[in-house]
Amino acid sequence: MGYTHYFEVKNPKTSEWQTAWSQLVQDVPKIVEAAGIDISGPSLDEDIVTPLLADTKKGIGLNGVGSDGAHETLLIEPKNWEDLNFCKTERKEYDEVVTCVLLRAFMLAPENFSVSSDGYWDEWNEGKDLYQRLWPQDEIRCPLPDEGEEDEVDMVEE
């Protein structure tokens, strides 16, 4: 087992998802930069840093760095959109980036992007905070199906 996030694109042919996908690919580098942690693109060796993958045709791919920072690569690929995909982060530092990317995808396409997690909504706080710094105008909604209505908006007022 392990701490894992699951996701899928319900209908990739919709205009909602097509628009969201283009925007998400543009937003991923911003998320990574704002997080300020070491992030690598896809790699078979967790100690080798590769460029972040953020391309509308190839997909999105990122991981942490090193044995303490990396676990499984988050891959969101057009060829696998309709499959149930997952990324096991083991709550390592890059989980903040993974949850922010998944939250951004949901916020851009709530009717077409589904997310679930082994964790609870309050365990996504770092990802939610990162999202809020980048898109302060957005009212964040919980994408997790089992969290209930009381958690729909979960931001601390400053």
Protein backbone atom coordinates (compact mmCIF):
# COMPACT_ATOMS: atom_id res chain seq x y z
CA MET A 1 0.00 0.00 0.00
CA GLY A 2 1.05 3.57 0.50
CA TYR A 3 -0.22 7.08 0.28
CA THR A 4 -1.64 7.34 -3.25
CA HIS A 5 -3.69 9.78 -5.32
CA TYR A 6 -5.96 8.48 -8.10
CA PHE A 7 -7.29 10.40 -11.08
CA GLU A 8 -8.97 10.05 -14.44
CA VAL A 9 -10.35 12.12 -17.26
CA LYS A 10 -14.00 11.13 -17.66
CA ASN A 11 -14.49 12.42 -21.20
CA PRO A 12 -11.37 13.85 -22.88
CA LYS A 13 -13.28 14.90 -26.00
CA THR A 14 -15.30 17.62 -24.27
CA SER A 15 -14.46 21.25 -24.86
CA GLU A 16 -14.19 21.68 -21.07
CA TRP A 17 -11.32 19.17 -20.87
CA GLN A 18 -9.62 20.32 -24.07
CA THR A 19 -9.52 23.90 -22.77
CA ALA A 20 -8.49 22.74 -19.30
CA TRP A 21 -5.70 20.55 -20.66
CA SER A 22 -4.03 23.39 -22.53
CA GLN A 23 -4.24 25.61 -19.45
CA LEU A 24 -3.03 22.88 -17.08
CA VAL A 25 0.06 22.23 -19.21
CA GLN A 26 0.85 25.96 -19.05
CA ASP A 27 0.22 26.06 -15.29
CA VAL A 28 2.38 23.11 -14.22
CA PRO A 29 5.73 24.95 -14.59
CA LYS A 30 4.27 27.83 -12.55
CA ILE A 31 3.22 25.39 -9.82
CA VAL A 32 6.66 23.79 -9.73
CA GLU A 33 8.44 27.15 -9.61
CA ALA A 34 6.17 28.49 -6.87
CA ALA A 35 6.64 25.37 -4.74
CA GLY A 36 10.35 26.04 -4.49
CA ILE A 37 11.28 22.38 -4.02
CA ASP A 38 13.44 20.11 -6.15
CA ILE A 39 11.36 18.54 -8.90
CA SER A 40 12.43 16.30 -11.73
CA GLY A 41 10.73 15.16 -14.87
CA PRO A 42 10.16 11.47 -15.48
CA SER A 43 13.24 9.33 -14.86
CA LEU A 44 13.99 5.70 -14.10
CA ASP A 45 16.66 6.81 -11.62
CA GLU A 46 15.43 8.97 -8.73
CA ASP A 47 18.85 10.58 -8.40
CA ILE A 48 18.97 11.82 -12.01
CA VAL A 49 17.15 15.10 -12.54
CA THR A 50 15.45 15.41 -15.91
CA PRO A 51 13.47 18.33 -17.35
CA LEU A 52 9.89 18.70 -16.20
CA LEU A 53 7.45 17.27 -18.73
CA ALA A 54 4.65 19.71 -19.56
CA ASP A 55 3.57 19.28 -23.17
CA THR A 56 0.06 19.13 -24.62
CA LYS A 57 0.94 16.16 -26.85
CA LYS A 58 3.26 14.17 -24.54
CA GLY A 59 1.63 14.97 -21.21
CA ILE A 60 2.68 16.06 -17.73
CA GLY A 61 5.35 14.21 -15.79
CA LEU A 62 7.08 15.08 -12.54
CA ASN A 63 8.63 13.53 -9.46
CA GLY A 64 10.65 14.54 -6.46
CA VAL A 65 14.44 14.13 -6.40
CA GLY A 66 16.57 11.58 -4.55
CA SER A 67 15.56 8.70 -2.31
CA ASP A 68 14.15 11.08 0.31
CA GLY A 69 12.24 13.23 -2.21
CA ALA A 70 11.13 10.96 -5.05
CA HIS A 71 8.67 8.11 -5.18
CA GLU A 72 6.38 7.52 -8.16
CA THR A 73 6.19 9.87 -11.11
CA LEU A 74 2.96 11.79 -11.60
CA LEU A 75 2.07 11.11 -15.23
CA ILE A 76 -0.95 12.62 -16.92
CA GLU A 77 -0.71 11.44 -20.50
CA PRO A 78 -3.19 11.89 -23.36
CA LYS A 79 -2.86 8.21 -24.28
CA ASN A 80 -4.06 7.18 -20.79
CA TRP A 81 -6.64 9.86 -20.05
CA GLU A 82 -9.60 7.54 -19.75
CA ASP A 83 -7.80 5.01 -17.54
CA LEU A 84 -7.78 5.21 -13.77
CA ASN A 85 -4.30 6.56 -13.08
CA PHE A 86 -2.46 6.96 -9.81
CA CYS A 87 0.62 8.45 -8.21
CA LYS A 88 2.00 7.10 -4.95
CA THR A 89 3.87 9.93 -3.20
CA GLU A 90 4.28 8.41 0.28
CA ARG A 91 3.68 11.95 1.59
CA LYS A 92 7.13 13.01 0.40
CA GLU A 93 7.84 16.68 -0.21
CA TYR A 94 6.71 16.66 -3.85
CA ASP A 95 3.20 15.64 -2.70
CA GLU A 96 2.54 19.39 -2.39
CA VAL A 97 3.12 19.78 -6.14
CA VAL A 98 1.19 16.62 -7.04
CA THR A 99 -1.88 17.63 -5.03
CA CYS A 100 -1.74 21.16 -6.43
CA VAL A 101 -1.58 19.85 -10.02
CA LEU A 102 -4.49 17.47 -9.41
CA LEU A 103 -6.48 20.22 -7.70
CA ARG A 104 -5.79 22.58 -10.62
CA ALA A 105 -6.98 19.96 -13.12
CA PHE A 106 -10.17 19.47 -11.11
CA MET A 107 -10.79 23.20 -10.76
CA LEU A 108 -10.34 23.71 -14.52
CA ALA A 109 -12.54 20.75 -15.49
CA PRO A 110 -14.76 19.71 -12.56
CA GLU A 111 -17.17 17.80 -14.79
CA ASN A 112 -14.43 15.81 -16.53
CA PHE A 113 -11.56 15.27 -14.06
CA SER A 114 -12.08 13.05 -11.05
CA VAL A 115 -9.69 12.68 -8.14
CA SER A 116 -9.58 10.44 -5.09
CA SER A 117 -6.89 9.82 -2.52
CA ASP A 118 -5.80 7.57 0.28
CA GLY A 119 -5.45 10.80 2.25
CA TYR A 120 -8.02 13.21 3.58
CA TRP A 121 -8.73 16.74 2.36
CA ASP A 122 -6.92 18.27 5.34
CA GLU A 123 -3.79 16.35 4.29
CA TRP A 124 -3.80 18.39 1.07
CA ASN A 125 -3.19 21.66 2.96
CA GLU A 126 0.24 22.34 1.43
CA GLY A 127 -1.11 21.77 -2.08
CA LYS A 128 -4.17 23.90 -1.33
CA ASP A 129 -1.98 26.71 0.05
CA LEU A 130 0.22 26.58 -3.04
CA TYR A 131 -2.87 26.71 -5.26
CA GLN A 132 -4.27 29.68 -3.33
CA ARG A 133 -1.01 31.61 -3.72
CA LEU A 134 -1.12 31.15 -7.48
CA TRP A 135 -4.86 31.63 -8.04
CA PRO A 136 -6.12 33.71 -5.10
CA GLN A 137 -9.32 34.60 -6.94
CA ASP A 138 -10.46 30.95 -7.08
CA GLU A 139 -12.73 29.49 -4.44
CA ILE A 140 -11.15 26.10 -3.91
CA ARG A 141 -13.54 23.16 -3.94
CA CYS A 142 -12.74 19.74 -2.53
CA PRO A 143 -12.29 17.24 -5.37
CA LEU A 144 -12.36 14.21 -3.09
CA PRO A 145 -15.67 12.35 -3.35
CA ASP A 146 -15.86 11.10 0.24
CA GLU A 147 -15.17 14.33 2.09
CA GLY A 148 -18.68 15.73 2.41
CA GLU A 149 -20.24 19.12 1.81
CA GLU A 150 -18.86 20.82 4.90
CA ASP A 151 -15.38 20.76 3.32
CA GLU A 152 -16.39 22.27 -0.01
CA VAL A 153 -14.55 25.50 0.74
CA ASP A 154 -11.60 24.99 3.01
CA MET A 155 -9.38 28.05 3.11
CA VAL A 156 -8.18 29.86 6.19
CA GLU A 157 -8.83 33.56 6.17
CA GLU A 158 -5.75 35.66 6.63
